[in-house]
């Protein structure tokens, strides 16, 4: 054997050693990828019931929101009816009630002022008293 053949043999041995050393991490990486693939499959299988439950929940929420929309529309209708009723009450009874309250207040204030001054009220009874005194 010549020195070149020995060098080629050493190089071939080094290359085999290099391939063996690189094959070990590649095999481990292959196992890791297989485990990751299995985990993804399991997650996908377990996520189907979760999505089904989420869809059911969303359907119930949409149903409740439709009911709330109806309630809100009815409340708006009631509030507009109450507003119209209060406007009608104010227009028909409000002004006369305010006028009569003001008149009553004015009369009672005038009577109190006369009593404080000591004057007798003018009327049928006061004329009789004056006649009786003479």
N, C-alpha and C. Protein backbone atom coordinates (compact mmCIF):
# COMPACT_ATOMS: atom_id res chain seq x y z
N UNK A 1 0.81 -1.17 0.00
CA UNK A 1 0.00 0.00 0.00
C UNK A 1 0.86 1.25 0.00
N UNK A 2 0.42 2.09 -0.82
CA UNK A 2 1.17 3.33 -0.98
C UNK A 2 0.62 4.38 -0.01
N UNK A 3 1.38 5.38 0.21
CA UNK A 3 0.90 6.42 1.14
C UNK A 3 -0.39 7.09 0.65
N UNK A 4 -0.60 7.21 -0.60
CA UNK A 4 -1.84 7.81 -1.09
C UNK A 4 -3.03 6.91 -0.81
N UNK A 5 -2.88 5.62 -0.93
CA UNK A 5 -3.96 4.70 -0.62
C UNK A 5 -4.28 4.75 0.87
N UNK A 6 -3.23 4.87 1.71
CA UNK A 6 -3.46 4.98 3.16
C UNK A 6 -4.21 6.27 3.46
N UNK A 7 -3.83 7.36 2.82
CA UNK A 7 -4.49 8.65 3.03
C UNK A 7 -5.94 8.57 2.57
N UNK A 8 -6.19 7.88 1.47
CA UNK A 8 -7.56 7.73 0.96
C UNK A 8 -8.39 6.90 1.92
N UNK A 9 -7.78 5.85 2.49
CA UNK A 9 -8.47 5.02 3.47
C UNK A 9 -8.81 5.82 4.72
N UNK A 10 -7.90 6.65 5.20
CA UNK A 10 -8.15 7.49 6.38
C UNK A 10 -9.27 8.48 6.08
N UNK A 11 -9.21 9.06 4.88
CA UNK A 11 -10.25 10.03 4.49
C UNK A 11 -11.61 9.33 4.41
N UNK A 12 -11.64 8.11 3.86
CA UNK A 12 -12.90 7.37 3.77
C UNK A 12 -13.42 7.05 5.15
N UNK A 13 -12.55 6.65 6.08
CA UNK A 13 -12.96 6.36 7.47
C UNK A 13 -13.49 7.61 8.16
N UNK A 14 -12.82 8.73 7.91
CA UNK A 14 -13.28 9.99 8.51
C UNK A 14 -14.65 10.36 7.95
N UNK A 15 -14.83 10.12 6.66
CA UNK A 15 -16.12 10.43 6.04
C UNK A 15 -17.22 9.55 6.62
N UNK A 16 -16.97 8.27 6.83
CA UNK A 16 -17.95 7.35 7.42
C UNK A 16 -18.27 7.79 8.84
N UNK A 17 -17.22 8.17 9.60
CA UNK A 17 -17.44 8.65 10.96
C UNK A 17 -18.30 9.93 10.97
N UNK A 18 -18.04 10.81 10.02
CA UNK A 18 -18.81 12.05 9.90
C UNK A 18 -20.27 11.76 9.57
N UNK A 19 -20.51 10.82 8.66
CA UNK A 19 -21.88 10.45 8.29
C UNK A 19 -22.60 9.84 9.48
N UNK A 20 -21.94 9.00 10.24
CA UNK A 20 -22.56 8.37 11.41
C UNK A 20 -22.88 9.44 12.46
N UNK A 21 -21.97 10.35 12.70
CA UNK A 21 -22.20 11.40 13.68
C UNK A 21 -23.34 12.34 13.26
N UNK A 22 -23.48 12.58 11.97
CA UNK A 22 -24.58 13.44 11.49
C UNK A 22 -25.90 12.68 11.42
N UNK A 23 -25.86 11.37 11.30
CA UNK A 23 -27.09 10.58 11.20
C UNK A 23 -27.83 10.55 12.52
N UNK A 24 -27.14 10.58 13.66
CA UNK A 24 -27.78 10.51 14.98
C UNK A 24 -28.69 11.72 15.21
N UNK A 25 -28.25 12.98 15.01
CA UNK A 25 -29.17 14.11 15.19
C UNK A 25 -30.31 14.11 14.18
N UNK A 26 -30.04 13.62 12.96
CA UNK A 26 -31.10 13.58 11.95
C UNK A 26 -32.20 12.60 12.36
N UNK A 27 -31.82 11.47 12.94
CA UNK A 27 -32.80 10.49 13.40
C UNK A 27 -33.61 11.07 14.55
N UNK A 28 -32.93 11.75 15.48
CA UNK A 28 -33.64 12.37 16.59
C UNK A 28 -34.59 13.46 16.10
N UNK A 29 -34.14 14.23 15.12
CA UNK A 29 -35.00 15.28 14.55
C UNK A 29 -36.22 14.67 13.87
N UNK A 30 -36.05 13.54 13.22
CA UNK A 30 -37.18 12.84 12.58
C UNK A 30 -38.20 12.40 13.62
N UNK A 31 -37.73 11.86 14.76
CA UNK A 31 -38.65 11.44 15.84
C UNK A 31 -39.40 12.64 16.41
N UNK A 32 -38.68 13.74 16.58
CA UNK A 32 -39.32 14.95 17.11
C UNK A 32 -40.41 15.45 16.16
N UNK A 33 -40.13 15.42 14.88
CA UNK A 33 -41.14 15.84 13.89
C UNK A 33 -42.34 14.90 13.89
N UNK A 34 -42.11 13.60 14.07
CA UNK A 34 -43.22 12.65 14.17
C UNK A 34 -44.10 12.95 15.39
N UNK A 35 -43.47 13.23 16.53
CA UNK A 35 -44.23 13.56 17.74
C UNK A 35 -45.02 14.86 17.56
N UNK A 36 -44.40 15.84 16.89
CA UNK A 36 -45.11 17.10 16.64
C UNK A 36 -46.31 16.87 15.73
N UNK A 37 -46.15 16.02 14.74
CA UNK A 37 -47.26 15.70 13.84
C UNK A 37 -48.40 15.03 14.60
N UNK A 38 -48.06 14.08 15.49
CA UNK A 38 -49.08 13.41 16.30
C UNK A 38 -49.80 14.40 17.22
N UNK A 39 -49.05 15.31 17.82
CA UNK A 39 -49.65 16.30 18.71
C UNK A 39 -50.61 17.21 17.94
N UNK A 40 -50.24 17.59 16.74
CA UNK A 40 -51.12 18.44 15.92
C UNK A 40 -52.39 17.69 15.55
N UNK A 41 -52.27 16.42 15.22
CA UNK A 41 -53.47 15.63 14.89
C UNK A 41 -54.41 15.53 16.09
N UNK A 42 -53.84 15.27 17.29
CA UNK A 42 -54.67 15.17 18.49
C UNK A 42 -55.35 16.50 18.80
N UNK A 43 -54.62 17.58 18.63
CA UNK A 43 -55.20 18.90 18.88
C UNK A 43 -56.34 19.18 17.91
N UNK A 44 -56.17 18.78 16.67
CA UNK A 44 -57.22 18.98 15.68
C UNK A 44 -58.45 18.14 16.02
N UNK A 45 -58.24 16.90 16.45
CA UNK A 45 -59.38 16.05 16.81
C UNK A 45 -60.11 16.58 18.04
N UNK A 46 -59.37 17.14 19.01
CA UNK A 46 -59.99 17.66 20.22
C UNK A 46 -60.60 19.05 20.02
N UNK A 47 -60.21 19.73 18.97
CA UNK A 47 -60.74 21.08 18.74
C UNK A 47 -62.12 21.06 18.08
N UNK A 48 -62.49 19.98 17.43
CA UNK A 48 -63.81 19.92 16.79
C UNK A 48 -64.95 20.07 17.80
N UNK A 49 -64.96 19.37 18.94
CA UNK A 49 -66.04 19.60 19.91
C UNK A 49 -66.00 21.02 20.48
N UNK A 50 -64.82 21.56 20.63
CA UNK A 50 -64.70 22.93 21.13
C UNK A 50 -65.34 23.92 20.17
N UNK A 51 -65.08 23.77 18.89
CA UNK A 51 -65.69 24.67 17.90
C UNK A 51 -67.20 24.46 17.81
N UNK A 52 -67.63 23.23 17.94
CA UNK A 52 -69.07 22.95 17.92
C UNK A 52 -69.76 23.64 19.11
N UNK A 53 -69.15 23.53 20.30
CA UNK A 53 -69.70 24.20 21.47
C UNK A 53 -69.70 25.71 21.31
N UNK A 54 -68.64 26.26 20.72
CA UNK A 54 -68.57 27.71 20.50
C UNK A 54 -69.65 28.16 19.54
N UNK A 55 -69.90 27.38 18.50
CA UNK A 55 -70.96 27.74 17.55
C UNK A 55 -72.33 27.69 18.22
N UNK A 56 -72.56 26.69 19.06
CA UNK A 56 -73.83 26.61 19.79
C UNK A 56 -74.01 27.82 20.70
N UNK A 57 -72.94 28.18 21.41
CA UNK A 57 -73.00 29.34 22.30
C UNK A 57 -73.29 30.61 21.51
N UNK A 58 -72.65 30.77 20.38
CA UNK A 58 -72.89 31.96 19.55
C UNK A 58 -74.33 32.00 19.03
N UNK A 59 -74.88 30.84 18.70
CA UNK A 59 -76.28 30.80 18.28
C UNK A 59 -77.20 31.26 19.40
N UNK A 60 -76.93 30.80 20.63
CA UNK A 60 -77.75 31.23 21.77
C UNK A 60 -77.61 32.73 22.03
N UNK A 61 -76.39 33.23 21.91
CA UNK A 61 -76.16 34.66 22.11
C UNK A 61 -76.91 35.47 21.06
N UNK A 62 -76.89 35.03 19.82
CA UNK A 62 -77.61 35.75 18.76
C UNK A 62 -79.11 35.74 19.02
N UNK A 63 -79.63 34.62 19.51
CA UNK A 63 -81.05 34.55 19.84
C UNK A 63 -81.40 35.54 20.95
N UNK A 64 -80.56 35.60 21.98
CA UNK A 64 -80.80 36.53 23.09
C UNK A 64 -80.69 37.98 22.61
N UNK A 65 -79.75 38.26 21.72
CA UNK A 65 -79.62 39.62 21.19
C UNK A 65 -80.85 40.02 20.38
N UNK A 66 -81.43 39.07 19.65
CA UNK A 66 -82.66 39.36 18.92
C UNK A 66 -83.78 39.72 19.90
N UNK A 67 -83.85 38.99 21.02
CA UNK A 67 -84.87 39.30 22.03
C UNK A 67 -84.64 40.68 22.64
N UNK A 68 -83.39 40.98 22.92
CA UNK A 68 -83.07 42.29 23.50
C UNK A 68 -83.41 43.41 22.51
N UNK A 69 -83.18 43.17 21.23
CA UNK A 69 -83.56 44.17 20.23
C UNK A 69 -85.06 44.42 20.25
N UNK A 70 -85.84 43.35 20.38
CA UNK A 70 -87.29 43.50 20.45
C UNK A 70 -87.70 44.27 21.69
N UNK A 71 -87.08 43.95 22.82
CA UNK A 71 -87.41 44.66 24.07
C UNK A 71 -87.04 46.13 23.94
N UNK A 72 -85.90 46.42 23.35
CA UNK A 72 -85.48 47.81 23.17
C UNK A 72 -86.45 48.56 22.27
N UNK A 73 -86.90 47.93 21.21
CA UNK A 73 -87.87 48.57 20.31
C UNK A 73 -89.17 48.85 21.05
N UNK A 74 -89.63 47.89 21.86
CA UNK A 74 -90.86 48.11 22.63
C UNK A 74 -90.68 49.23 23.66
N UNK A 75 -89.54 49.28 24.30
CA UNK A 75 -89.29 50.35 25.28
C UNK A 75 -89.26 51.71 24.59
N UNK A 76 -88.71 51.77 23.42
CA UNK A 76 -88.69 53.02 22.67
C UNK A 76 -90.10 53.43 22.30
N UNK A 77 -90.92 52.49 21.90
CA UNK A 77 -92.32 52.78 21.56
C UNK A 77 -93.07 53.29 22.79
N UNK A 78 -92.85 52.64 23.93
CA UNK A 78 -93.52 53.07 25.16
C UNK A 78 -93.09 54.48 25.55
N UNK A 79 -91.81 54.76 25.44
CA UNK A 79 -91.33 56.08 25.82
C UNK A 79 -91.87 57.16 24.89
N UNK A 80 -92.02 56.88 23.61
CA UNK A 80 -92.61 57.87 22.70
C UNK A 80 -94.09 58.05 23.01
N UNK A 81 -94.79 56.97 23.40
CA UNK A 81 -96.20 57.09 23.77
C UNK A 81 -96.36 57.92 25.04
N UNK A 82 -95.49 57.71 26.01
CA UNK A 82 -95.55 58.48 27.25
C UNK A 82 -95.26 59.95 26.97
N UNK A 83 -94.32 60.21 26.10
CA UNK A 83 -94.00 61.59 25.74
C UNK A 83 -95.19 62.26 25.07
N UNK A 84 -95.84 61.54 24.16
CA UNK A 84 -97.02 62.11 23.49
C UNK A 84 -98.14 62.34 24.49
N UNK A 85 -98.33 61.41 25.43
CA UNK A 85 -99.38 61.56 26.44
C UNK A 85 -99.11 62.74 27.35
N UNK A 86 -97.86 62.92 27.77
CA UNK A 86 -97.55 64.06 28.63
C UNK A 86 -97.71 65.38 27.87
N UNK A 87 -97.38 65.40 26.60
CA UNK A 87 -97.59 66.60 25.79
C UNK A 87 -99.09 66.90 25.68
N UNK A 88 -99.89 65.87 25.48
CA UNK A 88 -101.34 66.06 25.39
C UNK A 88 -101.89 66.56 26.72
N UNK A 89 -101.45 65.99 27.83
CA UNK A 89 -101.91 66.42 29.15
C UNK A 89 -101.53 67.88 29.39
N UNK A 90 -100.32 68.23 29.05
CA UNK A 90 -99.86 69.61 29.24
C UNK A 90 -100.68 70.57 28.39
N UNK A 91 -100.98 70.17 27.17
CA UNK A 91 -101.73 71.06 26.28
C UNK A 91 -103.18 71.22 26.73
N UNK A 92 -103.79 70.16 27.23
CA UNK A 92 -105.22 70.24 27.56
C UNK A 92 -105.48 70.69 28.98
N UNK A 93 -104.73 70.17 29.94
CA UNK A 93 -105.02 70.47 31.33
C UNK A 93 -103.98 71.34 31.99
N UNK A 94 -102.80 71.37 31.46
CA UNK A 94 -101.72 72.09 32.11
C UNK A 94 -101.97 73.57 32.23
N UNK A 95 -102.33 74.20 31.14
CA UNK A 95 -102.53 75.65 31.16
C UNK A 95 -103.70 76.05 32.06
N UNK A 96 -104.88 75.42 31.97
CA UNK A 96 -105.96 75.80 32.89
C UNK A 96 -105.62 75.53 34.35
N UNK A 97 -104.91 74.45 34.64
CA UNK A 97 -104.53 74.17 36.02
C UNK A 97 -103.56 75.21 36.54
N UNK A 98 -102.63 75.62 35.71
CA UNK A 98 -101.69 76.65 36.13
C UNK A 98 -102.42 77.96 36.38
N UNK A 99 -103.35 78.29 35.50
CA UNK A 99 -104.11 79.54 35.68
C UNK A 99 -104.96 79.49 36.94
N UNK A 100 -105.63 78.37 37.18
CA UNK A 100 -106.46 78.29 38.38
C UNK A 100 -105.60 78.28 39.65
N UNK A 101 -104.44 77.64 39.60
CA UNK A 101 -103.55 77.66 40.76
C UNK A 101 -103.05 79.07 41.02
N UNK A 102 -102.72 79.79 39.96
CA UNK A 102 -102.26 81.17 40.13
C UNK A 102 -103.37 82.04 40.68
N UNK A 103 -104.59 81.86 40.19
CA UNK A 103 -105.72 82.65 40.68
C UNK A 103 -105.97 82.35 42.16
N UNK A 104 -105.97 81.08 42.53
CA UNK A 104 -106.19 80.69 43.93
C UNK A 104 -105.10 81.26 44.82
N UNK A 105 -103.90 81.21 44.38
CA UNK A 105 -102.79 81.76 45.16
C UNK A 105 -102.96 83.27 45.33
N UNK A 106 -103.34 83.94 44.26
CA UNK A 106 -103.54 85.39 44.33
C UNK A 106 -104.65 85.76 45.29
N UNK A 107 -105.77 85.03 45.25
CA UNK A 107 -106.89 85.32 46.14
C UNK A 107 -106.49 85.06 47.59
N UNK A 108 -105.82 83.95 47.86
CA UNK A 108 -105.43 83.66 49.24
C UNK A 108 -104.42 84.68 49.75
N UNK A 109 -103.54 85.14 48.92
CA UNK A 109 -102.57 86.15 49.32
C UNK A 109 -103.27 87.47 49.62
N UNK A 110 -104.27 87.82 48.80
CA UNK A 110 -105.01 89.06 49.03
C UNK A 110 -105.78 88.98 50.34
N UNK A 111 -106.41 87.83 50.62
CA UNK A 111 -107.15 87.67 51.86
C UNK A 111 -106.23 87.74 53.08
N UNK A 112 -105.08 87.13 52.99
CA UNK A 112 -104.14 87.21 54.09
C UNK A 112 -103.66 88.64 54.32
N UNK A 113 -103.45 89.37 53.24
CA UNK A 113 -103.00 90.76 53.37
C UNK A 113 -104.07 91.61 54.04
N UNK A 114 -105.36 91.39 53.71
CA UNK A 114 -106.46 92.15 54.34
C UNK A 114 -106.54 91.83 55.82
N UNK A 115 -106.38 90.55 56.15
CA UNK A 115 -106.47 90.17 57.56
C UNK A 115 -105.35 90.81 58.38
N UNK A 116 -104.17 90.87 57.77
CA UNK A 116 -103.04 91.48 58.49
C UNK A 116 -103.29 92.97 58.71
N UNK A 117 -103.91 93.64 57.77
CA UNK A 117 -104.17 95.07 57.91
C UNK A 117 -105.36 95.34 58.84
N UNK A 118 -106.10 94.31 59.16
CA UNK A 118 -107.23 94.46 60.06
C UNK A 118 -108.52 94.86 59.37
N UNK A 119 -108.55 94.85 58.10
CA UNK A 119 -109.79 95.19 57.40
C UNK A 119 -110.69 93.98 57.36
N UNK A 120 -111.94 94.26 57.34
CA UNK A 120 -112.91 93.18 57.21
C UNK A 120 -113.12 92.91 55.74
N UNK A 121 -113.36 91.69 55.41
CA UNK A 121 -113.59 91.40 54.00
C UNK A 121 -114.92 92.00 53.54
N UNK A 122 -114.94 92.40 52.32
CA UNK A 122 -116.15 92.97 51.74
C UNK A 122 -117.03 91.84 51.29
N UNK A 123 -118.30 91.88 51.69
CA UNK A 123 -119.23 90.83 51.30
C UNK A 123 -120.53 90.99 52.05
N UNK A 124 -121.44 90.07 51.90
CA UNK A 124 -122.76 90.12 52.49
C UNK A 124 -122.69 90.15 54.02
N UNK A 125 -121.83 89.35 54.61
CA UNK A 125 -121.74 89.26 56.06
C UNK A 125 -121.15 90.53 56.66
N UNK A 126 -120.21 91.12 55.98
CA UNK A 126 -119.60 92.33 56.53
C UNK A 126 -120.59 93.50 56.52
N UNK A 127 -121.51 93.57 55.59
CA UNK A 127 -122.51 94.65 55.54
C UNK A 127 -123.48 94.50 56.68
N UNK A 128 -123.84 93.28 57.02
CA UNK A 128 -124.76 93.05 58.12
C UNK A 128 -124.14 93.50 59.44
N UNK A 129 -122.86 93.24 59.60
CA UNK A 129 -122.20 93.63 60.83
C UNK A 129 -122.19 95.16 60.97
N UNK A 130 -121.95 95.82 59.85
CA UNK A 130 -121.93 97.27 59.90
C UNK A 130 -123.32 97.83 60.22
N UNK A 131 -124.35 97.26 59.68
CA UNK A 131 -125.71 97.72 59.97
C UNK A 131 -126.07 97.50 61.43
N UNK A 132 -125.66 96.36 61.95
CA UNK A 132 -125.98 96.01 63.32
C UNK A 132 -125.26 96.92 64.30
N UNK A 133 -124.20 97.45 63.98
CA UNK A 133 -123.43 98.30 64.86
C UNK A 133 -124.03 99.70 64.94
N UNK A 134 -124.67 100.12 63.93
CA UNK A 134 -125.19 101.48 63.91
C UNK A 134 -126.37 101.59 64.75
